[in-house]
């Protein structure tokens, strides 16, 4: 279970880094160059980004809380349902990674510079 938590943590932290990189990028279009603020990313991703980012931010905050306690201690103190849900969270995080790839591909189709 602790290994699953660390896998979950690694995926979520990578997603946070990808989001930060995406939001620091600029996009060059026929209408000019734009800094990729969340609203711009949301526009170029057909409205999917602003629903996506809060999920990752909330997961990252939860991970910080758990890591401050200690993953092993947290998992041992949690009930069985919470402990078993870590495996579902790993699967969910992998789906989110795929979702962010799709969002990024929509934006890249507009020529990030």
Foldseek 3Di string as FASTA:
>chain_A
DLVLLVLLLVLLVVVVVVVVVQQQWWFQAPVGIGRNHQVNLCVLLVNPRVVLVVVSVVSNVVSVVCVVVPVVVVLVPDDPVVNVCSNVSSVVSVVSVVVVVSSVVSRCVRPID
